[in-house]
Amino acid sequence: MGIFDLFGKKKFETTNPFSLKAETHPYSLRANTNDYVDLELSLANNSEAAILSSIVLTVPKGLGFERSAIQQQREVRLGFLKPGEQKFVKVPLWATQRTQKGNYPIEIVAISHYNDYAHVLNEARKTIAFRVD
């Protein structure tokens, strides 16, 4: 038994333990309007152990996670996912009068944590293109 075994050392997988799906409903937003869409995320645990997990969302300027679209990053803590368990999260994505037409990349990072949310064990990244007409 080593010194690190006393502090909660455990074996972990180096492969990606997550399956991540992302959709927006409705599909797009109109430019220069105060409106929102629902960003629907589905995260599944494909590993054989329970994983403490969270999702971090990042959007460019012009979009945001509240009505004024000032906040461009959001973390959603999901807690422990049991093996094979799937969690569904719905996050509103807002546009304002300053939002111009174009494609906006939305970066989604699913993170597995070690002992608490401060220690990152593994992550899966996905970027989707969101259209503003």
Protein backbone atom coordinates (compact mmCIF):
# COMPACT_ATOMS: atom_id res chain seq x y z
CA MET A 1 0.00 0.00 0.00
CA GLY A 2 1.49 3.31 -1.10
CA ILE A 3 1.13 6.75 0.38
CA PHE A 4 -1.29 7.83 -2.36
CA ASP A 5 -3.65 4.94 -1.57
CA LEU A 6 -4.53 6.75 1.66
CA PHE A 7 -5.86 9.75 -0.25
CA GLY A 8 -8.30 7.93 -2.48
CA LYS A 9 -6.15 6.71 -5.35
CA LYS A 10 -8.15 4.51 -7.69
CA LYS A 11 -7.73 2.93 -11.10
CA PHE A 12 -9.25 4.72 -14.07
CA GLU A 13 -9.81 4.19 -17.76
CA THR A 14 -7.90 6.10 -20.40
CA THR A 15 -10.57 5.58 -23.08
CA ASN A 16 -13.50 7.93 -23.53
CA PRO A 17 -16.27 6.88 -21.13
CA PHE A 18 -19.00 9.15 -22.57
CA SER A 19 -21.52 9.19 -25.37
CA LEU A 20 -22.67 12.77 -26.03
CA LYS A 21 -25.57 13.96 -28.21
CA ALA A 22 -26.59 17.60 -28.73
CA GLU A 23 -29.56 19.18 -30.53
CA THR A 24 -31.26 22.57 -30.66
CA HIS A 25 -35.02 23.04 -30.78
CA PRO A 26 -36.01 24.94 -32.89
CA TYR A 27 -33.15 24.45 -35.31
CA SER A 28 -32.11 28.11 -35.65
CA LEU A 29 -32.76 31.67 -34.43
CA ARG A 30 -33.61 34.86 -36.26
CA ALA A 31 -30.96 37.59 -36.26
CA ASN A 32 -31.44 40.83 -34.31
CA THR A 33 -34.26 39.52 -32.07
CA ASN A 34 -34.55 38.70 -28.38
CA ASP A 35 -35.36 35.01 -28.61
CA TYR A 36 -34.01 31.66 -27.46
CA VAL A 37 -33.72 28.02 -28.40
CA ASP A 38 -33.37 25.00 -26.15
CA LEU A 39 -30.00 23.27 -26.37
CA GLU A 40 -30.78 19.64 -25.48
CA LEU A 41 -27.86 17.51 -24.30
CA SER A 42 -27.84 13.78 -23.64
CA LEU A 43 -24.84 12.29 -21.83
CA ALA A 44 -24.45 8.53 -21.32
CA ASN A 45 -21.88 6.65 -19.25
CA ASN A 46 -20.37 3.85 -21.37
CA SER A 47 -17.83 2.70 -18.78
CA GLU A 48 -18.16 -0.02 -16.15
CA ALA A 49 -17.80 2.31 -13.14
CA ALA A 50 -19.78 5.22 -11.71
CA ILE A 51 -18.36 8.56 -12.89
CA LEU A 52 -18.69 12.02 -11.33
CA SER A 53 -19.48 14.14 -14.39
CA SER A 54 -20.21 17.64 -15.61
CA ILE A 55 -20.76 19.46 -18.91
CA VAL A 56 -19.16 22.80 -19.85
CA LEU A 57 -20.76 24.81 -22.67
CA THR A 58 -19.04 27.70 -24.46
CA VAL A 59 -20.59 30.00 -27.09
CA PRO A 60 -19.15 33.02 -28.96
CA LYS A 61 -20.19 36.65 -28.45
CA GLY A 62 -23.67 37.35 -29.75
CA LEU A 63 -25.13 34.31 -28.02
CA GLY A 64 -25.49 33.66 -24.31
CA PHE A 65 -27.08 31.58 -21.59
CA GLU A 66 -29.35 34.28 -20.17
CA ARG A 67 -31.61 36.95 -21.67
CA SER A 68 -28.90 39.64 -21.91
CA ALA A 69 -26.42 37.17 -23.54
CA ILE A 70 -23.52 38.32 -21.36
CA GLN A 71 -22.65 34.89 -19.99
CA GLN A 72 -20.84 32.89 -22.71
CA GLN A 73 -19.85 29.88 -20.61
CA ARG A 74 -21.91 27.58 -18.41
CA GLU A 75 -21.14 24.51 -16.34
CA VAL A 76 -23.81 21.93 -15.55
CA ARG A 77 -22.87 19.49 -12.77
CA LEU A 78 -24.59 16.14 -13.24
CA GLY A 79 -23.36 14.18 -10.23
CA PHE A 80 -22.49 10.49 -10.42
CA LEU A 81 -23.55 8.60 -13.53
CA LYS A 82 -23.95 4.86 -12.95
CA PRO A 83 -22.70 2.44 -15.64
CA GLY A 84 -25.05 2.63 -18.61
CA GLU A 85 -27.00 5.57 -17.14
CA GLN A 86 -28.03 8.49 -19.35
CA LYS A 87 -28.86 12.04 -18.24
CA PHE A 88 -30.75 14.67 -20.20
CA VAL A 89 -30.13 18.41 -19.79
CA LYS A 90 -31.98 21.31 -21.42
CA VAL A 91 -30.22 24.71 -21.48
CA PRO A 92 -31.71 27.90 -23.00
CA LEU A 93 -29.49 29.60 -25.59
CA TRP A 94 -30.33 33.28 -26.11
CA ALA A 95 -29.80 35.76 -28.94
CA THR A 96 -30.18 39.54 -28.65
CA GLN A 97 -30.62 42.53 -30.95
CA ARG A 98 -26.80 42.52 -31.37
CA THR A 99 -26.75 38.96 -32.77
CA GLN A 100 -25.83 39.02 -36.47
CA LYS A 101 -26.56 36.42 -39.16
CA GLY A 102 -24.09 33.57 -39.48
CA ASN A 103 -22.92 30.27 -38.11
CA TYR A 104 -21.88 30.18 -34.46
CA PRO A 105 -19.81 27.30 -33.04
CA ILE A 106 -21.02 25.84 -29.74
CA GLU A 107 -18.32 23.93 -27.86
CA ILE A 108 -19.52 21.16 -25.55
CA VAL A 109 -17.10 19.44 -23.16
CA ALA A 110 -18.20 16.42 -21.09
CA ILE A 111 -15.83 15.98 -18.15
CA SER A 112 -15.31 13.03 -15.81
CA HIS A 113 -13.91 14.04 -12.42
CA TYR A 114 -11.71 12.21 -9.95
CA ASN A 115 -12.71 12.97 -6.32
CA ASP A 116 -14.57 16.25 -6.66
CA TYR A 117 -15.33 18.74 -9.41
CA ALA A 118 -11.88 20.37 -9.08
CA HIS A 119 -9.99 17.29 -10.36
CA VAL A 120 -10.39 16.35 -14.03
CA LEU A 121 -9.90 12.73 -15.01
CA ASN A 122 -11.00 12.64 -18.67
CA GLU A 123 -13.02 14.72 -21.12
CA ALA A 124 -14.88 14.42 -24.41
CA ARG A 125 -15.24 17.44 -26.73
CA LYS A 126 -17.83 18.16 -29.36
CA THR A 127 -18.44 21.29 -31.44
CA ILE A 128 -21.72 21.91 -33.22
CA ALA A 129 -22.51 24.69 -35.67
CA PHE A 130 -25.55 26.79 -34.80
CA ARG A 131 -27.22 28.91 -37.47
CA VAL A 132 -28.68 32.40 -36.98
CA ASP A 133 -30.73 33.56 -40.02
